[in-house]
Amino acid sequence: GYAFKEPSLFQLYADTFDYTGTPTLKNESLHNIELSFVFNPTYYLSIRLDGFATFMSDLIRLEYVTSPNYDVSNRFLGLLGKYKPVQDSDANILGFELSMNSKIGTNWNIYANYNFLYSKRKYEDGSTEDIKDDAMHRGKLGFSYLDENVTADLALFLVSSSPDVASSRINATNAKYHTPFYAIVQPHVTVGLPANLGFMVQGSYAFSENMFSSPTYRYYYETEGVPVNRYSV
């Protein structure tokens, strides 16, 4: 597969008191290769191994640049330069998923999968850096029941925490953060009713590392796209 992303007009041409665009930015590009194997050792068991490699080029990142050519009035705001988008790095994402689905009774199925993800960034000078602010390990375990009148499913998602990563923000060189461990439980039941009607109830509950000891985690999780503890019916 192949995809690309154009730089925004703001990234190209914006000019504010603390930001300046870069008109020479190119498109970010992505190439993806995926290969799968499916093995059925018995009629009741299916195993799938899926491997993938993603190669991203010309990534755009934000850098704080100081220059005597910038507006002197910035200094009254404590700024010595401007934020500027630069394009000097590539990234590779490698991983695989191992999944299993098995019939364990007349109406019961069990399914599970494990996902491994590894990311590395390469800079223009040839240096490389592991991308640690994403979970390397993810897993899912579920049970399902099916007959003529009822469909039921209970799934448990587990996502590992990432190692501590130093903050790249200005004046915060000693700050560290990490994506926390979290888990999601999702029950689902659908019941058939007369007149070809049906009644469905499903819920979702997420819990995570330190979610009770630090109330500010709720906002942090949401900005990072991590589910926070809540019920949803």
C-alpha atoms as a PDB file:
ATOM      1  CA  GLY A   1       0.000   0.000   0.000  1.00  0.00           C
ATOM      2  CA  TYR A   2       1.044   3.604  -0.534  1.00  0.00           C
ATOM      3  CA  ALA A   3      -0.251   6.870   0.926  1.00  0.00           C
ATOM      4  CA  PHE A   4       0.853  10.480   1.215  1.00  0.00           C
ATOM      5  CA  LYS A   5      -0.072  13.536   3.276  1.00  0.00           C
ATOM      6  CA  GLU A   6       0.344  17.081   2.033  1.00  0.00           C
ATOM      7  CA  PRO A   7       1.651  19.789   4.392  1.00  0.00           C
ATOM      8  CA  SER A   8      -1.059  22.203   5.485  1.00  0.00           C
ATOM      9  CA  LEU A   9      -1.181  25.827   4.346  1.00  0.00           C
ATOM     10  CA  PHE A  10      -0.423  26.812   7.944  1.00  0.00           C
ATOM     11  CA  GLN A  11       2.749  24.680   7.950  1.00  0.00           C
ATOM     12  CA  LEU A  12       3.798  26.220   4.627  1.00  0.00           C
ATOM     13  CA  TYR A  13       3.011  29.912   4.907  1.00  0.00           C
ATOM     14  CA  ALA A  14       1.924  30.967   8.409  1.00  0.00           C
ATOM     15  CA  ASP A  15       3.804  33.857   9.996  1.00  0.00           C
ATOM     16  CA  THR A  16       2.894  34.819  13.576  1.00  0.00           C
ATOM     17  CA  PHE A  17       4.811  36.187  16.562  1.00  0.00           C
ATOM     18  CA  ASP A  18       5.900  32.685  17.619  1.00  0.00           C
ATOM     19  CA  TYR A  19       5.536  30.574  14.449  1.00  0.00           C
ATOM     20  CA  THR A  20       6.887  30.707  10.904  1.00  0.00           C
ATOM     21  CA  GLY A  21       6.034  28.407   8.027  1.00  0.00           C
ATOM     22  CA  THR A  22       8.381  26.504   5.726  1.00  0.00           C
ATOM     23  CA  PRO A  23       7.329  26.880   2.047  1.00  0.00           C
ATOM     24  CA  THR A  24       9.708  24.125   0.863  1.00  0.00           C
ATOM     25  CA  LEU A  25       8.011  21.259   2.742  1.00  0.00           C
ATOM     26  CA  LYS A  26       7.331  18.125   0.666  1.00  0.00           C
ATOM     27  CA  ASN A  27       4.584  15.547   1.087  1.00  0.00           C
ATOM     28  CA  GLU A  28       4.979  12.991   3.848  1.00  0.00           C
ATOM     29  CA  SER A  29       4.816   9.497   2.329  1.00  0.00           C
ATOM     30  CA  LEU A  30       4.094   5.988   3.577  1.00  0.00           C
ATOM     31  CA  HIS A  31       4.705   2.521   2.118  1.00  0.00           C
ATOM     32  CA  ASN A  32       3.230  -0.556   3.800  1.00  0.00           C
ATOM     33  CA  ILE A  33       3.843  -4.287   3.269  1.00  0.00           C
ATOM     34  CA  GLU A  34       1.700  -6.971   4.909  1.00  0.00           C
ATOM     35  CA  LEU A  35       1.879 -10.760   4.779  1.00  0.00           C
ATOM     36  CA  SER A  36      -0.489 -13.236   6.445  1.00  0.00           C
ATOM     37  CA  PHE A  37      -0.543 -16.983   7.047  1.00  0.00           C
ATOM     38  CA  VAL A  38      -3.665 -18.875   8.146  1.00  0.00           C
ATOM     39  CA  PHE A  39      -3.409 -22.363   9.647  1.00  0.00           C
ATOM     40  CA  ASN A  40      -6.347 -24.650  10.472  1.00  0.00           C
ATOM     41  CA  PRO A  41      -4.970 -27.646  12.411  1.00  0.00           C
ATOM     42  CA  THR A  42      -8.520 -28.847  13.171  1.00  0.00           C
ATOM     43  CA  TYR A  43     -12.019 -28.008  12.021  1.00  0.00           C
ATOM     44  CA  TYR A  44     -12.608 -26.139  15.296  1.00  0.00           C
ATOM     45  CA  LEU A  45      -9.377 -24.134  15.451  1.00  0.00           C
ATOM     46  CA  SER A  46      -8.026 -21.345  13.243  1.00  0.00           C
ATOM     47  CA  ILE A  47      -4.650 -19.644  13.787  1.00  0.00           C
ATOM     48  CA  ARG A  48      -3.505 -16.555  11.900  1.00  0.00           C
ATOM     49  CA  LEU A  49      -0.088 -14.880  11.816  1.00  0.00           C
ATOM     50  CA  ASP A  50       0.008 -11.437  10.263  1.00  0.00           C
ATOM     51  CA  GLY A  51       3.254  -9.483   9.813  1.00  0.00           C
ATOM     52  CA  PHE A  52       3.618  -5.913   8.587  1.00  0.00           C
ATOM     53  CA  ALA A  53       6.265  -3.294   7.874  1.00  0.00           C
ATOM     54  CA  THR A  54       5.549   0.399   7.393  1.00  0.00           C
ATOM     55  CA  PHE A  55       8.104   2.874   6.042  1.00  0.00           C
ATOM     56  CA  MET A  56       7.406   6.601   6.419  1.00  0.00           C
ATOM     57  CA  SER A  57       9.515   9.287   4.754  1.00  0.00           C
ATOM     58  CA  ASP A  58       9.915  13.085   4.962  1.00  0.00           C
ATOM     59  CA  LEU A  59       8.133  13.390   8.306  1.00  0.00           C
ATOM     60  CA  ILE A  60       7.309  16.921   9.427  1.00  0.00           C
ATOM     61  CA  ARG A  61       8.115  17.892  13.001  1.00  0.00           C
ATOM     62  CA  LEU A  62       8.137  21.172  14.920  1.00  0.00           C
ATOM     63  CA  GLU A  63      11.415  22.766  16.009  1.00  0.00           C
ATOM     64  CA  TYR A  64      12.176  25.941  17.963  1.00  0.00           C
ATOM     65  CA  VAL A  65      14.595  28.066  15.932  1.00  0.00           C
ATOM     66  CA  THR A  66      16.409  31.175  17.170  1.00  0.00           C
ATOM     67  CA  SER A  67      17.458  33.856  14.704  1.00  0.00           C
ATOM     68  CA  PRO A  68      18.378  37.580  14.832  1.00  0.00           C
ATOM     69  CA  ASN A  69      16.116  38.081  11.809  1.00  0.00           C
ATOM     70  CA  TYR A  70      12.950  37.467  13.812  1.00  0.00           C
ATOM     71  CA  ASP A  71      10.903  40.331  15.211  1.00  0.00           C
ATOM     72  CA  VAL A  72      12.655  41.982  18.179  1.00  0.00           C
ATOM     73  CA  SER A  73       9.264  42.439  19.886  1.00  0.00           C
ATOM     74  CA  ASN A  74       9.280  38.697  20.556  1.00  0.00           C
ATOM     75  CA  ARG A  75      11.858  39.314  23.272  1.00  0.00           C
ATOM     76  CA  PHE A  76       9.314  41.285  25.297  1.00  0.00           C
ATOM     77  CA  LEU A  77       7.303  38.036  25.474  1.00  0.00           C
ATOM     78  CA  GLY A  78      10.308  36.015  26.564  1.00  0.00           C
ATOM     79  CA  LEU A  79      10.763  34.456  23.129  1.00  0.00           C
ATOM     80  CA  LEU A  80      14.121  34.304  21.400  1.00  0.00           C
ATOM     81  CA  GLY A  81      12.892  32.668  18.196  1.00  0.00           C
ATOM     82  CA  LYS A  82       9.966  30.948  16.542  1.00  0.00           C
ATOM     83  CA  TYR A  83       8.525  27.490  16.122  1.00  0.00           C
ATOM     84  CA  LYS A  84       9.192  26.201  12.614  1.00  0.00           C
ATOM     85  CA  PRO A  85       8.175  22.947  10.873  1.00  0.00           C
ATOM     86  CA  VAL A  86      11.194  21.000   9.626  1.00  0.00           C
ATOM     87  CA  GLN A  87      11.432  17.867   7.509  1.00  0.00           C
ATOM     88  CA  ASP A  88      14.467  15.812   8.411  1.00  0.00           C
ATOM     89  CA  SER A  89      13.405  12.364   9.568  1.00  0.00           C
ATOM     90  CA  ASP A  90      11.988   9.017   8.464  1.00  0.00           C
ATOM     91  CA  ALA A  91      10.352   6.291  10.563  1.00  0.00           C
ATOM     92  CA  ASN A  92       9.904   2.528  10.343  1.00  0.00           C
ATOM     93  CA  ILE A  93       7.164   0.574  12.114  1.00  0.00           C
ATOM     94  CA  LEU A  94       7.496  -3.205  12.274  1.00  0.00           C
ATOM     95  CA  GLY A  95       5.194  -5.666  13.954  1.00  0.00           C
ATOM     96  CA  PHE A  96       3.085  -8.773  13.892  1.00  0.00           C
ATOM     97  CA  GLU A  97      -0.201 -10.094  15.230  1.00  0.00           C
ATOM     98  CA  LEU A  98      -0.870 -13.687  16.270  1.00  0.00           C
ATOM     99  CA  SER A  99      -4.558 -14.550  16.612  1.00  0.00           C
ATOM    100  CA  MET A 100      -6.596 -17.629  17.421  1.00  0.00           C
ATOM    101  CA  ASN A 101     -10.285 -18.538  17.150  1.00  0.00           C
ATOM    102  CA  SER A 102     -11.618 -21.831  18.494  1.00  0.00           C
ATOM    103  CA  LYS A 103     -14.994 -23.481  18.957  1.00  0.00           C
ATOM    104  CA  ILE A 104     -15.126 -24.867  22.533  1.00  0.00           C
ATOM    105  CA  GLY A 105     -18.705 -26.107  22.700  1.00  0.00           C
ATOM    106  CA  THR A 106     -21.982 -26.334  20.848  1.00  0.00           C
ATOM    107  CA  ASN A 107     -22.593 -22.585  21.092  1.00  0.00           C
ATOM    108  CA  TRP A 108     -19.323 -21.224  22.511  1.00  0.00           C
ATOM    109  CA  ASN A 109     -16.237 -19.720  20.907  1.00  0.00           C
ATOM    110  CA  ILE A 110     -13.022 -18.386  22.401  1.00  0.00           C
ATOM    111  CA  TYR A 111     -10.741 -15.950  20.581  1.00  0.00           C
ATOM    112  CA  ALA A 112      -7.485 -14.232  21.424  1.00  0.00           C
ATOM    113  CA  ASN A 113      -4.742 -12.191  19.796  1.00  0.00           C
ATOM    114  CA  TYR A 114      -1.384 -10.699  20.631  1.00  0.00           C
ATOM    115  CA  ASN A 115       0.086  -7.692  18.833  1.00  0.00           C
ATOM    116  CA  PHE A 116       3.728  -6.567  18.896  1.00  0.00           C
ATOM    117  CA  LEU A 117       4.816  -3.156  17.605  1.00  0.00           C
ATOM    118  CA  TYR A 118       8.321  -1.713  17.200  1.00  0.00           C
ATOM    119  CA  SER A 119       9.050   1.798  15.923  1.00  0.00           C
ATOM    120  CA  LYS A 120      12.319   3.516  15.003  1.00  0.00           C
ATOM    121  CA  ARG A 121      13.035   7.010  13.686  1.00  0.00           C
ATOM    122  CA  LYS A 122      15.950   7.896  11.408  1.00  0.00           C
ATOM    123  CA  TYR A 123      17.292  11.434  11.065  1.00  0.00           C
ATOM    124  CA  GLU A 124      18.957  13.137   8.136  1.00  0.00           C
ATOM    125  CA  ASP A 125      22.407  12.830   9.732  1.00  0.00           C
ATOM    126  CA  GLY A 126      22.030   9.034   9.807  1.00  0.00           C
ATOM    127  CA  SER A 127      21.359   8.705  13.538  1.00  0.00           C
ATOM    128  CA  THR A 128      18.442   6.558  14.724  1.00  0.00           C
ATOM    129  CA  GLU A 129      16.177   6.642  17.776  1.00  0.00           C
ATOM    130  CA  ASP A 130      13.665   4.139  19.132  1.00  0.00           C
ATOM    131  CA  ILE A 131      10.161   5.614  19.349  1.00  0.00           C
ATOM    132  CA  LYS A 132       9.156   4.675  22.875  1.00  0.00           C
ATOM    133  CA  ASP A 133       5.941   6.656  23.398  1.00  0.00           C
ATOM    134  CA  ASP A 134       3.743   3.893  22.000  1.00  0.00           C
ATOM    135  CA  ALA A 135       2.812   0.546  23.529  1.00  0.00           C
ATOM    136  CA  MET A 136       4.848  -2.376  22.188  1.00  0.00           C
ATOM    137  CA  HIS A 137       2.462  -5.053  23.490  1.00  0.00           C
ATOM    138  CA  ARG A 138      -1.300  -5.361  23.061  1.00  0.00           C
ATOM    139  CA  GLY A 139      -3.582  -8.300  23.721  1.00  0.00           C
ATOM    140  CA  LYS A 140      -7.224  -9.317  23.525  1.00  0.00           C
ATOM    141  CA  LEU A 141      -9.156 -12.245  25.008  1.00  0.00           C
ATOM    142  CA  GLY A 142     -12.821 -12.884  24.344  1.00  0.00           C
ATOM    143  CA  PHE A 143     -15.652 -15.378  24.697  1.00  0.00           C
ATOM    144  CA  SER A 144     -18.766 -15.472  22.536  1.00  0.00           C
ATOM    145  CA  TYR A 145     -22.070 -17.382  22.687  1.00  0.00           C
ATOM    146  CA  LEU A 146     -24.510 -17.812  19.826  1.00  0.00           C
ATOM    147  CA  ASP A 147     -27.840 -19.608  19.438  1.00  0.00           C
ATOM    148  CA  GLU A 148     -31.128 -18.914  17.671  1.00  0.00           C
ATOM    149  CA  ASN A 149     -32.230 -16.224  20.142  1.00  0.00           C
ATOM    150  CA  VAL A 150     -29.140 -14.856  21.890  1.00  0.00           C
ATOM    151  CA  THR A 151     -25.777 -13.474  20.841  1.00  0.00           C
ATOM    152  CA  ALA A 152     -23.386 -12.652  23.686  1.00  0.00           C
ATOM    153  CA  ASP A 153     -19.765 -11.544  23.768  1.00  0.00           C
ATOM    154  CA  LEU A 154     -17.307 -10.564  26.489  1.00  0.00           C
ATOM    155  CA  ALA A 155     -13.960  -9.080  25.452  1.00  0.00           C
ATOM    156  CA  LEU A 156     -10.948  -7.911  27.452  1.00  0.00           C
ATOM    157  CA  PHE A 157      -8.330  -5.614  25.875  1.00  0.00           C
ATOM    158  CA  LEU A 158      -4.908  -5.147  27.504  1.00  0.00           C
ATOM    159  CA  VAL A 159      -2.390  -2.495  26.413  1.00  0.00           C
ATOM    160  CA  SER A 160       1.061  -2.310  27.990  1.00  0.00           C
ATOM    161  CA  SER A 161       2.632   0.901  29.227  1.00  0.00           C
ATOM    162  CA  SER A 162       5.509   2.536  27.392  1.00  0.00           C
ATOM    163  CA  PRO A 163       8.907   3.408  28.968  1.00  0.00           C
ATOM    164  CA  ASP A 164       9.492   6.914  30.311  1.00  0.00           C
ATOM    165  CA  VAL A 165      10.231   9.369  27.499  1.00  0.00           C
ATOM    166  CA  ALA A 166      11.925  12.738  28.001  1.00  0.00           C
ATOM    167  CA  SER A 167       9.791  15.713  27.017  1.00  0.00           C
ATOM    168  CA  SER A 168      10.853  17.612  23.889  1.00  0.00           C
ATOM    169  CA  ARG A 169       9.190  20.845  25.000  1.00  0.00           C
ATOM    170  CA  ILE A 170      11.236  23.982  25.495  1.00  0.00           C
ATOM    171  CA  ASN A 171      12.332  24.571  29.125  1.00  0.00           C
ATOM    172  CA  ALA A 172      11.118  21.086  30.069  1.00  0.00           C
ATOM    173  CA  THR A 173      14.199  19.018  29.327  1.00  0.00           C
ATOM    174  CA  ASN A 174      13.940  17.201  32.671  1.00  0.00           C
ATOM    175  CA  ALA A 175      10.257  16.338  32.296  1.00  0.00           C
ATOM    176  CA  LYS A 176       9.315  12.749  31.434  1.00  0.00           C
ATOM    177  CA  TYR A 177       6.066  11.086  30.460  1.00  0.00           C
ATOM    178  CA  HIS A 178       4.836   7.683  29.398  1.00  0.00           C
ATOM    179  CA  THR A 179       1.687   6.124  28.038  1.00  0.00           C
ATOM    180  CA  PRO A 180       0.186   4.159  30.958  1.00  0.00           C
ATOM    181  CA  PHE A 181      -1.010   0.575  31.041  1.00  0.00           C
ATOM    182  CA  TYR A 182      -4.750   0.331  30.498  1.00  0.00           C
ATOM    183  CA  ALA A 183      -7.424  -2.323  30.017  1.00  0.00           C
ATOM    184  CA  ILE A 184     -10.932  -2.257  28.562  1.00  0.00           C
ATOM    185  CA  VAL A 185     -13.763  -4.675  29.364  1.00  0.00           C
ATOM    186  CA  GLN A 186     -16.577  -4.803  26.792  1.00  0.00           C
ATOM    187  CA  PRO A 187     -19.718  -6.946  27.296  1.00  0.00           C
ATOM    188  CA  HIS A 188     -22.333  -7.260  24.544  1.00  0.00           C
ATOM    189  CA  VAL A 189     -25.704  -9.073  24.510  1.00  0.00           C
ATOM    190  CA  THR A 190     -28.344  -9.179  21.761  1.00  0.00           C
ATOM    191  CA  VAL A 191     -31.681 -10.946  22.380  1.00  0.00           C
ATOM    192  CA  GLY A 192     -34.247 -11.789  19.723  1.00  0.00           C
ATOM    193  CA  LEU A 193     -37.832 -10.646  20.324  1.00  0.00           C
ATOM    194  CA  PRO A 194     -41.138 -11.453  18.570  1.00  0.00           C
ATOM    195  CA  ALA A 195     -42.046  -9.669  15.320  1.00  0.00           C
ATOM    196  CA  ASN A 196     -38.444  -9.807  14.098  1.00  0.00           C
ATOM    197  CA  LEU A 197     -37.336  -7.282  16.710  1.00  0.00           C
ATOM    198  CA  GLY A 198     -34.233  -7.403  18.838  1.00  0.00           C
ATOM    199  CA  PHE A 199     -32.913  -5.879  22.052  1.00  0.00           C
ATOM    200  CA  MET A 200     -29.214  -5.088  22.449  1.00  0.00           C
ATOM    201  CA  VAL A 201     -27.171  -3.993  25.472  1.00  0.00           C
ATOM    202  CA  GLN A 202     -23.459  -3.294  25.312  1.00  0.00           C
ATOM    203  CA  GLY A 203     -21.073  -1.551  27.649  1.00  0.00           C
ATOM    204  CA  SER A 204     -17.489  -0.469  27.994  1.00  0.00           C
ATOM    205  CA  TYR A 205     -15.355   0.067  31.081  1.00  0.00           C
ATOM    206  CA  ALA A 206     -11.757   1.222  30.969  1.00  0.00           C
ATOM    207  CA  PHE A 207      -9.286   1.326  33.819  1.00  0.00           C
ATOM    208  CA  SER A 208      -5.649   2.284  33.820  1.00  0.00           C
ATOM    209  CA  GLU A 209      -2.500   2.768  35.811  1.00  0.00           C
ATOM    210  CA  ASN A 210      -2.818   5.445  38.540  1.00  0.00           C
ATOM    211  CA  MET A 211      -6.303   6.437  37.377  1.00  0.00           C
ATOM    212  CA  PHE A 212      -7.531   6.877  40.978  1.00  0.00           C
ATOM    213  CA  SER A 213      -4.462   8.582  42.433  1.00  0.00           C
ATOM    214  CA  SER A 214      -4.139  11.347  39.820  1.00  0.00           C
ATOM    215  CA  PRO A 215      -7.325  13.109  38.636  1.00  0.00           C
ATOM    216  CA  THR A 216      -5.374  15.037  35.989  1.00  0.00           C
ATOM    217  CA  TYR A 217      -4.737  11.784  34.157  1.00  0.00           C
ATOM    218  CA  ARG A 218      -8.245  11.958  32.690  1.00  0.00           C
ATOM    219  CA  TYR A 219      -7.386  15.006  30.565  1.00  0.00           C
ATOM    220  CA  TYR A 220      -3.958  13.595  29.658  1.00  0.00           C
ATOM    221  CA  TYR A 221      -5.424  10.269  28.523  1.00  0.00           C
ATOM    222  CA  GLU A 222      -8.043  11.951  26.370  1.00  0.00           C
ATOM    223  CA  THR A 223      -5.476  14.158  24.630  1.00  0.00           C
ATOM    224  CA  GLU A 224      -3.357  11.062  23.950  1.00  0.00           C
ATOM    225  CA  GLY A 225      -6.359   9.073  22.695  1.00  0.00           C
ATOM    226  CA  VAL A 226      -6.223   6.638  25.633  1.00  0.00           C
ATOM    227  CA  PRO A 227      -9.637   5.585  27.049  1.00  0.00           C
ATOM    228  CA  VAL A 228     -10.383   6.871  30.544  1.00  0.00           C
ATOM    229  CA  ASN A 229     -12.399   5.131  33.246  1.00  0.00           C
ATOM    230  CA  ARG A 230     -16.090   5.484  32.450  1.00  0.00           C
ATOM    231  CA  TYR A 231     -19.198   3.427  31.715  1.00  0.00           C
ATOM    232  CA  SER A 232     -20.881   3.616  28.326  1.00  0.00           C
ATOM    233  CA  VAL A 233     -24.249   1.969  27.698  1.00  0.00           C
END
